[in-house]
């Protein structure tokens, strides 16, 4: 029996439901959008693989190479809400095209980064514009897919979308490993032909978008960007400034205050960037909490695992890509299972099962990480990937299905903001944990070998290129120090994985808060006047 959910109590449903875009064929639209976002998913992992090469050739600082990854994630998080709103006001087709072109140009400029003092600022700047371009593109692409498929097929469609995207993310490490053998610059230039293909398919898909003639809350967009930027910057710089620094807490607290101000302003704005009232729906709130805490683990794990495989396991870039591919051996099939569970039973069962599996996977991975052997770890990594695959798609899709008095562009903007802000936050906090644990452990190890503790700082800051850092060390100690670096870095990664497991425990609690049920198509959700009922 179908009953009205809290999310569907108003008399009218999502005003922008039909405005995300329609196409001559829903599968042509799905294919076009998967190609459109392919670059953005690949870039989340391909740069992590090449990070040691980029740092070595350009002479980037340890903090600088972290921000090469983090600036992309932070720009994504800061721009998604605006991207979702622009999707509604300008039209999904136009925004997808703008995002594709912006991403291609930014990628080209990243590949052209000059050597010298300008390198760090140049790379971080254009990685950020890459992120902003992706922030425009992804909500528009998701809005097109959601509007193209009826509710009872949406879980399967988005499972394909996220599953294939996950596969493309897996291609990133492998492609990055081989491309960096030629030049790390190729990892950015490869986006150009992908962008051309995406543009052709998007134009061929026959997407028709109907813009909504409404004002854009530029003030809100600026405030939320400042809030997220300051808070993550403070957390990241805590590793350099220290947790006792006034500057660290000024940034963190200032960012949180700005985010609080954003909420106040949005509640008082006639046409807000985000309708805060949507979080009153328990299911929507639970979905976003699941996304937030699970994403603290999902994207950062690629960066940390990539560096671990090279520092502790001694892998080359291509082997590091294969190490990360193991994660997707669990993720890809589980994403399909999660989509089917969503369509038949709702999001709650899949999210709960996924959180349990992911927690177990990350904890056992942490336990085996110091074995310094993929053979001892692979089943843990597959389990971790399967758990994330089970919960990620259903949480995103269910949140979109339960949108009330909001368009698909706006709601995907919200969910993607939550996902990517959590990714940036996780990378910053867990990076601080890794740096602290590794430096402490390595200092003790070096002291035990008779070297001054101060030498740990130099090795820790260049952990991804320990060979060059050991150039001045006597040969008889070099092998012992390399062993210490590998072991101590693995212990630091163990703490990172435990932190990720802790975030997934909170994910499980959030999933348990979900009221259950699924959105059905008793009312035609694709019509502006429709109300999405929920089946209990």
Protein backbone atom coordinates (compact mmCIF):
# COMPACT_ATOMS: atom_id res chain seq x y z
CA UNK A 1 0.00 0.00 0.00
CA UNK A 2 1.29 3.44 -0.88
CA UNK A 3 1.11 6.24 1.60
CA UNK A 4 2.33 9.81 1.45
CA UNK A 5 5.80 10.26 2.79
CA UNK A 6 6.90 13.31 4.71
CA UNK A 7 8.70 14.31 1.57
CA UNK A 8 5.52 14.42 -0.43
CA UNK A 9 3.07 16.22 1.79
CA UNK A 10 2.89 19.45 -0.21
CA UNK A 11 0.38 19.62 -2.98
CA UNK A 12 3.00 20.18 -5.58
CA UNK A 13 6.15 18.29 -6.38
CA UNK A 14 9.44 19.33 -7.88
CA UNK A 15 8.84 22.30 -10.15
CA UNK A 16 11.93 21.53 -12.11
CA UNK A 17 11.38 17.85 -12.52
CA UNK A 18 10.64 18.09 -16.19
CA UNK A 19 13.16 20.80 -16.77
CA UNK A 20 16.34 18.85 -16.19
CA UNK A 21 16.13 17.69 -19.78
CA UNK A 22 14.45 15.13 -22.05
CA UNK A 23 15.95 13.25 -24.97
CA UNK A 24 15.02 11.31 -28.07
CA UNK A 25 16.20 8.21 -26.25
CA UNK A 26 16.75 7.86 -22.53
CA UNK A 27 19.69 5.53 -23.13
CA UNK A 28 21.34 7.91 -25.59
CA UNK A 29 21.02 10.60 -22.92
CA UNK A 30 22.46 8.25 -20.29
CA UNK A 31 25.42 7.39 -22.52
CA UNK A 32 26.05 11.03 -23.36
CA UNK A 33 26.06 12.05 -19.71
CA UNK A 34 28.38 9.21 -18.71
CA UNK A 35 30.88 10.42 -21.28
CA UNK A 36 30.40 14.00 -20.09
CA UNK A 37 31.34 13.16 -16.51
CA UNK A 38 33.98 10.58 -17.45
CA UNK A 39 36.76 13.14 -17.25
CA UNK A 40 35.77 14.27 -13.77
CA UNK A 41 35.69 10.75 -12.32
CA UNK A 42 38.95 9.73 -13.97
CA UNK A 43 40.62 12.85 -12.62
CA UNK A 44 39.78 11.95 -9.02
CA UNK A 45 42.28 9.07 -9.16
CA UNK A 46 44.60 9.65 -12.10
CA UNK A 47 46.22 12.68 -10.46
CA UNK A 48 46.79 10.76 -7.20
CA UNK A 49 48.85 8.21 -9.14
CA UNK A 50 50.96 10.91 -10.79
CA UNK A 51 51.33 13.06 -7.65
CA UNK A 52 54.87 11.80 -6.79
CA UNK A 53 56.06 12.49 -10.35
CA UNK A 54 54.47 15.94 -10.38
CA UNK A 55 56.05 16.79 -7.02
CA UNK A 56 59.46 15.56 -8.10
CA UNK A 57 59.59 17.31 -11.50
CA UNK A 58 58.03 20.61 -10.43
CA UNK A 59 59.66 20.74 -6.99
CA UNK A 60 56.34 21.12 -5.17
CA UNK A 61 56.20 21.19 -1.38
CA UNK A 62 54.44 18.40 0.54
CA UNK A 63 51.55 20.77 1.24
CA UNK A 64 51.55 21.90 -2.39
CA UNK A 65 51.15 18.40 -3.83
CA UNK A 66 48.31 17.72 -1.38
CA UNK A 67 46.56 20.86 -2.60
CA UNK A 68 46.97 19.74 -6.21
CA UNK A 69 44.48 17.03 -5.22
CA UNK A 70 42.55 18.98 -2.59
CA UNK A 71 41.96 22.16 -4.62
CA UNK A 72 40.06 20.10 -7.19
CA UNK A 73 37.88 18.48 -4.51
CA UNK A 74 37.33 21.75 -2.68
CA UNK A 75 36.30 23.60 -5.85
CA UNK A 76 33.89 20.78 -6.59
CA UNK A 77 32.31 21.09 -3.14
CA UNK A 78 32.20 24.90 -3.26
CA UNK A 79 30.64 25.04 -6.73
CA UNK A 80 28.06 22.25 -6.76
CA UNK A 81 25.22 24.23 -5.20
CA UNK A 82 25.72 26.99 -7.77
CA UNK A 83 26.05 24.39 -10.53
CA UNK A 84 22.72 22.86 -9.60
CA UNK A 85 21.03 26.26 -9.55
CA UNK A 86 22.55 27.28 -12.89
CA UNK A 87 21.25 24.00 -14.33
CA UNK A 88 17.71 25.15 -13.49
CA UNK A 89 18.07 28.76 -14.58
CA UNK A 90 20.21 28.38 -17.70
CA UNK A 91 19.25 24.85 -18.75
CA UNK A 92 20.96 21.48 -18.33
CA UNK A 93 22.17 21.18 -21.94
CA UNK A 94 23.97 24.52 -21.90
CA UNK A 95 25.56 23.92 -18.51
CA UNK A 96 26.82 20.47 -19.52
CA UNK A 97 28.45 21.99 -22.61
CA UNK A 98 30.01 24.84 -20.61
CA UNK A 99 31.33 22.32 -18.08
CA UNK A 100 32.87 20.12 -20.78
CA UNK A 101 34.63 23.05 -22.44
CA UNK A 102 35.84 24.49 -19.13
CA UNK A 103 37.21 21.16 -18.02
CA UNK A 104 39.05 20.59 -21.29
CA UNK A 105 40.67 24.04 -21.26
CA UNK A 106 41.67 23.73 -17.59
CA UNK A 107 43.15 20.27 -18.23
CA UNK A 108 45.21 21.62 -21.11
CA UNK A 109 46.58 24.40 -18.91
CA UNK A 110 47.41 21.95 -16.10
CA UNK A 111 49.43 19.96 -18.61
CA UNK A 112 51.27 23.13 -19.61
CA UNK A 113 52.38 23.96 -16.04
CA UNK A 114 55.80 25.67 -16.26
CA UNK A 115 58.73 24.67 -14.09
CA UNK A 116 60.01 27.10 -11.50
CA UNK A 117 58.52 29.29 -8.79
CA UNK A 118 55.23 29.71 -10.65
CA UNK A 119 54.55 25.96 -10.89
CA UNK A 120 52.75 25.40 -7.58
CA UNK A 121 50.36 28.36 -7.89
CA UNK A 122 49.71 27.59 -11.57
CA UNK A 123 48.86 23.94 -10.98
CA UNK A 124 46.64 24.57 -7.95
CA UNK A 125 44.77 27.39 -9.76
CA UNK A 126 43.88 25.36 -12.83
CA UNK A 127 43.10 22.27 -10.78
CA UNK A 128 40.56 24.48 -9.01
CA UNK A 129 39.06 25.64 -12.33
CA UNK A 130 38.86 21.98 -13.34
CA UNK A 131 36.87 21.39 -10.16
CA UNK A 132 34.57 24.34 -10.82
CA UNK A 133 33.91 23.09 -14.35
CA UNK A 134 33.06 19.66 -12.99
CA UNK A 135 30.81 21.29 -10.39
CA UNK A 136 28.80 22.81 -13.22
CA UNK A 137 28.75 19.66 -15.32
CA UNK A 138 27.84 16.90 -12.86
CA UNK A 139 24.55 18.30 -11.43
CA UNK A 140 23.39 19.08 -14.97
CA UNK A 141 24.32 15.59 -16.19
CA UNK A 142 22.58 13.91 -13.26
CA UNK A 143 19.51 16.09 -13.77
CA UNK A 144 19.32 14.93 -17.40
CA UNK A 145 19.55 11.25 -16.42
CA UNK A 146 17.03 11.55 -13.58
CA UNK A 147 14.49 13.35 -15.78
CA UNK A 148 14.96 10.87 -18.63
CA UNK A 149 14.03 7.77 -16.59
CA UNK A 150 10.82 6.97 -14.69
CA UNK A 151 11.12 6.44 -10.94
CA UNK A 152 10.84 2.64 -11.09
CA UNK A 153 13.85 2.50 -13.48
CA UNK A 154 15.90 5.23 -11.89
CA UNK A 155 17.83 3.06 -9.46
CA UNK A 156 18.96 0.79 -12.30
CA UNK A 157 19.82 3.76 -14.53
CA UNK A 158 21.86 5.52 -11.87
CA UNK A 159 23.49 2.23 -10.86
CA UNK A 160 24.71 2.02 -14.46
CA UNK A 161 25.73 5.67 -14.31
CA UNK A 162 27.70 5.32 -11.06
CA UNK A 163 28.93 1.82 -11.87
CA UNK A 164 30.37 2.85 -15.23
CA UNK A 165 31.69 6.04 -13.64
CA UNK A 166 33.32 3.91 -10.97
CA UNK A 167 34.87 1.83 -13.71
CA UNK A 168 36.17 4.97 -15.33
CA UNK A 169 37.59 6.00 -11.97
CA UNK A 170 39.35 2.63 -11.96
CA UNK A 171 40.76 3.33 -15.42
CA UNK A 172 42.33 6.49 -13.98
CA UNK A 173 45.03 4.72 -11.94
CA UNK A 174 45.88 2.30 -14.73
CA UNK A 175 45.98 4.99 -17.42
CA UNK A 176 47.86 7.28 -15.06
CA UNK A 177 50.45 4.62 -14.39
CA UNK A 178 51.23 4.12 -18.07
CA UNK A 179 50.92 7.76 -19.11
CA UNK A 180 53.32 8.93 -16.39
CA UNK A 181 55.97 6.63 -17.84
CA UNK A 182 55.91 9.00 -20.82
CA UNK A 183 55.12 12.26 -18.99
CA UNK A 184 52.80 13.15 -16.13
CA UNK A 185 51.46 15.99 -18.31
CA UNK A 186 49.67 13.40 -20.45
CA UNK A 187 47.26 12.63 -17.60
CA UNK A 188 45.73 16.06 -18.20
CA UNK A 189 45.99 16.11 -21.97
CA UNK A 190 44.10 12.81 -22.25
CA UNK A 191 40.99 14.74 -21.17
CA UNK A 192 40.91 16.69 -24.43
CA UNK A 193 39.87 13.82 -26.77
CA UNK A 194 37.45 12.59 -24.09
CA UNK A 195 35.93 16.09 -24.01
CA UNK A 196 35.53 16.10 -27.79
CA UNK A 197 33.72 12.74 -27.66
CA UNK A 198 31.54 13.94 -24.78
CA UNK A 199 30.62 17.12 -26.65
CA UNK A 200 29.65 15.21 -29.82
CA UNK A 201 27.50 12.74 -27.87
CA UNK A 202 25.83 15.50 -25.86
CA UNK A 203 24.85 17.34 -29.04
CA UNK A 204 23.66 14.09 -30.64
CA UNK A 205 21.52 13.14 -27.64
CA UNK A 206 18.86 15.67 -28.55
CA UNK A 207 18.54 16.96 -25.00
CA UNK A 208 15.86 19.61 -24.59
CA UNK A 209 16.13 21.75 -21.48
CA UNK A 210 13.64 24.36 -20.34
CA UNK A 211 15.33 27.16 -18.34
CA UNK A 212 13.59 28.63 -15.30
CA UNK A 213 13.61 32.40 -15.39
CA UNK A 214 14.61 33.02 -11.80
CA UNK A 215 17.27 35.00 -10.02
CA UNK A 216 20.46 33.35 -8.80
CA UNK A 217 21.50 33.82 -5.19
CA UNK A 218 25.06 34.97 -5.86
CA UNK A 219 25.44 36.10 -2.25
CA UNK A 220 24.64 32.62 -1.00
CA UNK A 221 27.02 31.06 -3.52
CA UNK A 222 29.86 33.29 -2.28
CA UNK A 223 29.15 32.66 1.41
CA UNK A 224 29.02 28.85 1.09
CA UNK A 225 32.24 28.85 -0.98
CA UNK A 226 34.02 30.95 1.67
CA UNK A 227 32.70 28.74 4.47
CA UNK A 228 33.86 25.50 2.93
CA UNK A 229 37.12 26.95 1.72
CA UNK A 230 38.13 28.40 5.10
CA UNK A 231 37.20 25.33 7.13
CA UNK A 232 39.03 22.85 4.89
CA UNK A 233 42.03 25.18 4.54
CA UNK A 234 42.32 25.41 8.32
CA UNK A 235 42.18 21.63 8.69
CA UNK A 236 44.76 21.13 5.96
CA UNK A 237 47.14 23.77 7.31
CA UNK A 238 46.93 22.33 10.82
CA UNK A 239 49.68 19.96 9.71
CA UNK A 240 51.94 22.95 9.01
CA UNK A 241 50.73 25.52 11.51
CA UNK A 242 49.95 23.06 14.30
CA UNK A 243 46.68 22.49 16.16
CA UNK A 244 47.67 25.05 18.76
CA UNK A 245 47.97 27.82 16.18
CA UNK A 246 45.52 30.72 16.32
CA UNK A 247 45.48 30.80 12.50
CA UNK A 248 44.38 27.15 12.34
CA UNK A 249 41.37 27.71 14.55
CA UNK A 250 40.61 31.10 13.04
CA UNK A 251 40.17 29.42 9.65
CA UNK A 252 38.19 26.45 10.96
CA UNK A 253 35.87 28.47 13.18
CA UNK A 254 35.55 31.23 10.60
CA UNK A 255 34.53 28.68 7.99
CA UNK A 256 31.93 27.12 10.26
CA UNK A 257 30.53 30.56 11.11
CA UNK A 258 30.25 31.33 7.38
CA UNK A 259 28.37 28.08 6.81
CA UNK A 260 26.02 28.95 9.67
CA UNK A 261 25.50 32.39 8.14
CA UNK A 262 24.70 30.69 4.82
CA UNK A 263 21.88 28.74 6.46
CA UNK A 264 20.45 31.93 8.02
CA UNK A 265 20.66 33.85 4.75
CA UNK A 266 19.07 31.06 2.72
CA UNK A 267 16.07 30.91 5.06
CA UNK A 268 15.52 34.63 4.50
CA UNK A 269 16.11 34.69 0.74
CA UNK A 270 13.08 34.64 -1.56
CA UNK A 271 14.81 32.49 -4.20
CA UNK A 272 17.63 30.75 -2.28
CA UNK A 273 20.53 28.80 -3.67
CA UNK A 274 19.39 25.85 -1.53
CA UNK A 275 15.95 25.41 0.03
CA UNK A 276 17.02 24.56 3.58
CA UNK A 277 13.54 23.27 4.41
CA UNK A 278 14.15 20.17 2.31
CA UNK A 279 16.26 18.77 5.14
CA UNK A 280 13.15 18.49 7.30
CA UNK A 281 12.38 15.28 5.44
CA UNK A 282 13.92 12.50 7.53
CA UNK A 283 14.72 10.29 4.55
CA UNK A 284 16.43 13.09 2.63
CA UNK A 285 18.44 14.07 5.72
CA UNK A 286 19.49 10.45 6.33
CA UNK A 287 20.53 10.02 2.69
CA UNK A 288 22.76 13.08 2.86
CA UNK A 289 24.30 12.03 6.18
CA UNK A 290 25.11 8.64 4.62
CA UNK A 291 26.71 10.40 1.65
CA UNK A 292 28.69 12.79 3.85
CA UNK A 293 30.30 10.24 6.15
CA UNK A 294 30.88 7.57 3.50
CA UNK A 295 32.62 10.07 1.21
CA UNK A 296 35.15 10.83 3.95
CA UNK A 297 36.47 7.38 3.03
CA UNK A 298 35.62 6.94 -0.66
CA UNK A 299 37.64 9.54 -2.57
CA UNK A 300 40.52 10.09 -0.09
CA UNK A 301 41.28 6.35 -0.05
CA UNK A 302 42.55 6.58 -3.64
CA UNK A 303 45.11 9.23 -2.77
CA UNK A 304 46.37 7.50 0.39
CA UNK A 305 46.38 4.01 -1.13
CA UNK A 306 48.26 5.27 -4.18
CA UNK A 307 51.03 6.83 -2.10
CA UNK A 308 51.14 3.78 0.21
CA UNK A 309 51.58 1.39 -2.71
CA UNK A 310 54.54 3.40 -3.94
CA UNK A 311 56.18 4.27 -0.60
CA UNK A 312 55.55 1.08 1.38
CA UNK A 313 55.17 -1.57 -1.33
CA UNK A 314 57.73 -0.06 -3.70
CA UNK A 315 55.35 -0.16 -6.67
CA UNK A 316 55.81 1.90 -9.78
CA UNK A 317 53.03 4.14 -11.03
CA UNK A 318 51.43 1.48 -13.25
CA UNK A 319 51.51 -1.14 -10.47
CA UNK A 320 49.95 1.40 -8.10
CA UNK A 321 47.07 1.71 -10.57
CA UNK A 322 46.48 -2.03 -10.44
CA UNK A 323 46.53 -1.88 -6.63
CA UNK A 324 43.65 0.60 -6.68
CA UNK A 325 41.80 -1.43 -9.32
CA UNK A 326 41.26 -4.16 -6.73
CA UNK A 327 38.90 -1.78 -4.91
CA UNK A 328 36.64 -1.65 -7.96
CA UNK A 329 36.47 -5.43 -8.22
CA UNK A 330 34.10 -5.08 -5.28
CA UNK A 331 32.64 -1.68 -6.05
CA UNK A 332 31.33 -2.20 -9.61
CA UNK A 333 29.20 -5.36 -9.11
CA UNK A 334 27.96 -4.14 -5.71
CA UNK A 335 26.78 -0.87 -7.30
CA UNK A 336 24.54 -2.87 -9.65
CA UNK A 337 23.15 -4.91 -6.76
CA UNK A 338 22.51 -1.73 -4.77
CA UNK A 339 20.56 -0.19 -7.65
CA UNK A 340 18.31 -3.22 -7.96
CA UNK A 341 17.68 -3.31 -4.21
CA UNK A 342 16.72 0.37 -4.38
CA UNK A 343 14.20 -0.24 -7.17
CA UNK A 344 12.54 -3.15 -5.36
CA UNK A 345 12.93 -2.49 -1.63
CA UNK A 346 14.14 1.08 -1.23
CA UNK A 347 17.49 2.54 -0.20
CA UNK A 348 17.58 1.59 3.49
CA UNK A 349 18.49 -2.13 3.21
CA UNK A 350 21.28 -1.46 0.73
CA UNK A 351 22.71 1.43 2.74
CA UNK A 352 22.75 -0.59 5.97
CA UNK A 353 24.35 -3.64 4.34
CA UNK A 354 26.86 -1.43 2.54
CA UNK A 355 27.89 0.42 5.69
CA UNK A 356 28.43 -2.87 7.56
CA UNK A 357 30.48 -4.39 4.74
CA UNK A 358 32.52 -1.23 4.21
CA UNK A 359 33.31 -0.89 7.93
CA UNK A 360 34.46 -4.51 8.06
CA UNK A 361 36.49 -4.04 4.88
CA UNK A 362 38.33 -0.93 6.04
CA UNK A 363 39.04 -2.40 9.49
CA UNK A 364 40.46 -5.64 8.10
CA UNK A 365 42.42 -3.64 5.52
CA UNK A 366 43.91 -1.60 8.38
CA UNK A 367 44.81 -4.83 10.17
CA UNK A 368 46.67 -6.29 7.16
CA UNK A 369 48.21 -3.06 5.83
CA UNK A 370 51.54 -3.56 7.63
CA UNK A 371 52.04 -6.97 6.00
CA UNK A 372 53.32 -5.00 2.99
CA UNK A 373 51.77 -7.52 0.61
CA UNK A 374 48.82 -7.19 -1.75
CA UNK A 375 48.28 -10.93 -1.39
CA UNK A 376 47.39 -10.42 2.28
CA UNK A 377 45.16 -7.41 1.62
CA UNK A 378 43.22 -7.98 -1.60
CA UNK A 379 40.12 -9.57 -0.05
CA UNK A 380 39.85 -6.72 2.49
CA UNK A 381 40.09 -4.14 -0.30
CA UNK A 382 37.41 -5.93 -2.35
CA UNK A 383 35.15 -6.04 0.73
CA UNK A 384 35.67 -2.32 1.35
CA UNK A 385 34.84 -1.52 -2.29
CA UNK A 386 31.71 -3.70 -2.23
CA UNK A 387 30.41 -1.91 0.84
CA UNK A 388 30.87 1.53 -0.69
CA UNK A 389 29.31 0.33 -3.95
CA UNK A 390 26.21 -0.93 -2.16
CA UNK A 391 25.45 2.32 -0.37
CA UNK A 392 26.63 5.16 -2.59
CA UNK A 393 24.23 4.96 -5.55
CA UNK A 394 21.08 4.19 -3.51
CA UNK A 395 21.73 7.10 -1.13
CA UNK A 396 22.21 9.56 -4.02
CA UNK A 397 19.21 8.29 -5.99
CA UNK A 398 16.85 8.13 -3.04
CA UNK A 399 17.72 11.69 -2.05
CA UNK A 400 16.92 12.86 -5.57
CA UNK A 401 13.67 10.89 -5.73
CA UNK A 402 12.45 12.50 -2.51
CA UNK A 403 12.93 16.07 -3.73
CA UNK A 404 9.94 18.23 -2.94
CA UNK A 405 9.43 21.81 -4.09
CA UNK A 406 12.88 21.64 -5.67
CA UNK A 407 14.24 20.75 -9.09
CA UNK A 408 16.49 17.84 -9.90
CA UNK A 409 19.28 20.30 -10.67
CA UNK A 410 18.99 21.86 -7.24
CA UNK A 411 18.81 18.56 -5.37
CA UNK A 412 21.73 16.97 -7.22
CA UNK A 413 23.60 20.19 -6.45
CA UNK A 414 22.92 19.58 -2.74
CA UNK A 415 23.93 15.93 -2.74
CA UNK A 416 27.06 16.55 -4.78
CA UNK A 417 28.03 19.46 -2.49
CA UNK A 418 27.71 17.14 0.50
CA UNK A 419 29.71 14.39 -1.20
CA UNK A 420 32.61 16.50 -2.35
CA UNK A 421 32.88 18.70 0.72
CA UNK A 422 33.16 15.50 2.76
CA UNK A 423 35.87 14.24 0.38
CA UNK A 424 37.91 17.42 0.79
CA UNK A 425 37.37 17.34 4.55
CA UNK A 426 38.44 13.71 4.77
CA UNK A 427 41.57 14.33 2.74
CA UNK A 428 42.52 17.28 4.95
CA UNK A 429 41.87 15.64 8.33
CA UNK A 430 43.24 12.21 7.46
CA UNK A 431 46.25 13.78 5.76
CA UNK A 432 47.02 15.53 9.03
CA UNK A 433 46.68 12.23 10.90
CA UNK A 434 49.01 10.46 8.46
CA UNK A 435 51.64 13.21 8.59
CA UNK A 436 51.65 13.28 12.38
CA UNK A 437 51.81 9.51 12.91
CA UNK A 438 54.41 8.98 10.19
CA UNK A 439 56.70 11.74 11.45
CA UNK A 440 56.51 10.48 15.05
CA UNK A 441 57.15 6.85 14.09
CA UNK A 442 59.94 7.66 11.68
CA UNK A 443 61.64 9.94 14.20
CA UNK A 444 61.72 7.10 16.71
CA UNK A 445 62.99 4.65 14.08
CA UNK A 446 65.79 6.96 12.97
CA UNK A 447 66.83 7.58 16.54
CA UNK A 448 67.03 3.84 17.03
CA UNK A 449 69.38 3.66 14.04
CA UNK A 450 71.60 6.33 15.55
CA UNK A 451 70.51 9.20 13.28
CA UNK A 452 69.38 12.61 14.59
CA UNK A 453 65.59 12.89 15.02
CA UNK A 454 65.62 15.99 12.82
CA UNK A 455 66.33 13.79 9.81
CA UNK A 456 62.77 12.44 10.11
CA UNK A 457 61.33 15.75 9.01
CA UNK A 458 63.22 15.68 5.73
CA UNK A 459 62.26 12.10 4.98
CA UNK A 460 58.63 12.58 5.99
CA UNK A 461 58.25 15.63 3.77
CA UNK A 462 59.53 13.69 0.78
CA UNK A 463 58.07 10.29 1.59
CA UNK A 464 56.93 9.82 -1.99
CA UNK A 465 60.53 10.21 -3.18
CA UNK A 466 62.50 8.62 -0.37
CA UNK A 467 65.30 7.61 -2.70
CA UNK A 468 66.44 11.18 -3.35
CA UNK A 469 66.01 12.04 0.33
CA UNK A 470 68.48 9.26 1.20
CA UNK A 471 71.13 10.45 -1.24
CA UNK A 472 73.41 11.74 1.52
CA UNK A 473 72.93 8.80 3.91
CA UNK A 474 75.77 6.28 4.35
CA UNK A 475 75.13 3.18 2.18
CA UNK A 476 75.23 0.79 5.13
CA UNK A 477 72.24 2.55 6.72
CA UNK A 478 70.27 3.26 3.57
CA UNK A 479 68.54 -0.13 3.35
CA UNK A 480 67.57 -0.05 7.02
CA UNK A 481 66.16 3.44 6.67
CA UNK A 482 64.18 2.49 3.56
CA UNK A 483 62.66 -0.41 5.48
CA UNK A 484 61.78 1.93 8.35
CA UNK A 485 60.16 4.40 5.97
CA UNK A 486 58.05 1.66 4.36
CA UNK A 487 56.93 0.21 7.70
CA UNK A 488 56.28 3.49 9.47
CA UNK A 489 54.34 4.89 6.51
CA UNK A 490 52.19 1.75 6.51
CA UNK A 491 51.45 2.29 10.20
CA UNK A 492 50.41 5.85 9.41
CA UNK A 493 48.07 4.52 6.70
CA UNK A 494 46.65 2.07 9.25
CA UNK A 495 45.48 5.03 11.34
CA UNK A 496 43.98 6.61 8.21
CA UNK A 497 42.00 3.44 7.43
CA UNK A 498 40.80 3.21 11.04
CA UNK A 499 39.59 6.81 10.74
CA UNK A 500 37.72 5.88 7.57
CA UNK A 501 36.17 2.88 9.34
CA UNK A 502 35.03 5.19 12.15
CA UNK A 503 33.34 7.45 9.58
CA UNK A 504 31.59 4.38 8.16
CA UNK A 505 30.28 3.43 11.60
CA UNK A 506 28.60 6.85 11.69
CA UNK A 507 27.37 6.11 8.15
CA UNK A 508 25.66 2.99 9.51
CA UNK A 509 23.96 5.01 12.26
CA UNK A 510 22.73 7.49 9.64
CA UNK A 511 21.38 4.63 7.50
CA UNK A 512 19.48 3.28 10.50
CA UNK A 513 17.79 6.71 10.85
CA UNK A 514 16.26 6.33 7.40
CA UNK A 515 12.49 5.66 7.68
CA UNK A 516 12.59 3.08 4.89
CA UNK A 517 10.23 2.70 1.99
CA UNK A 518 10.74 3.70 -1.59
CA UNK A 519 9.44 6.38 -3.90
CA UNK A 520 6.98 4.93 -6.41
CA UNK A 521 5.53 6.19 -9.64
CA UNK A 522 1.88 6.27 -8.60
CA UNK A 523 2.08 9.94 -9.54
CA UNK A 524 4.07 10.96 -12.59
CA UNK A 525 7.12 12.48 -11.00
CA UNK A 526 8.32 13.89 -14.29
CA UNK A 527 5.40 16.32 -14.32
CA UNK A 528 5.81 19.61 -12.45
CA UNK A 529 2.55 19.11 -10.58
CA UNK A 530 3.32 15.61 -9.40
CA UNK A 531 3.95 14.56 -5.83
CA UNK A 532 6.27 11.61 -5.19
CA UNK A 533 4.47 9.12 -2.94
CA UNK A 534 6.43 6.65 -0.88
CA UNK A 535 5.67 2.97 -0.52
CA UNK A 536 6.09 1.78 3.05
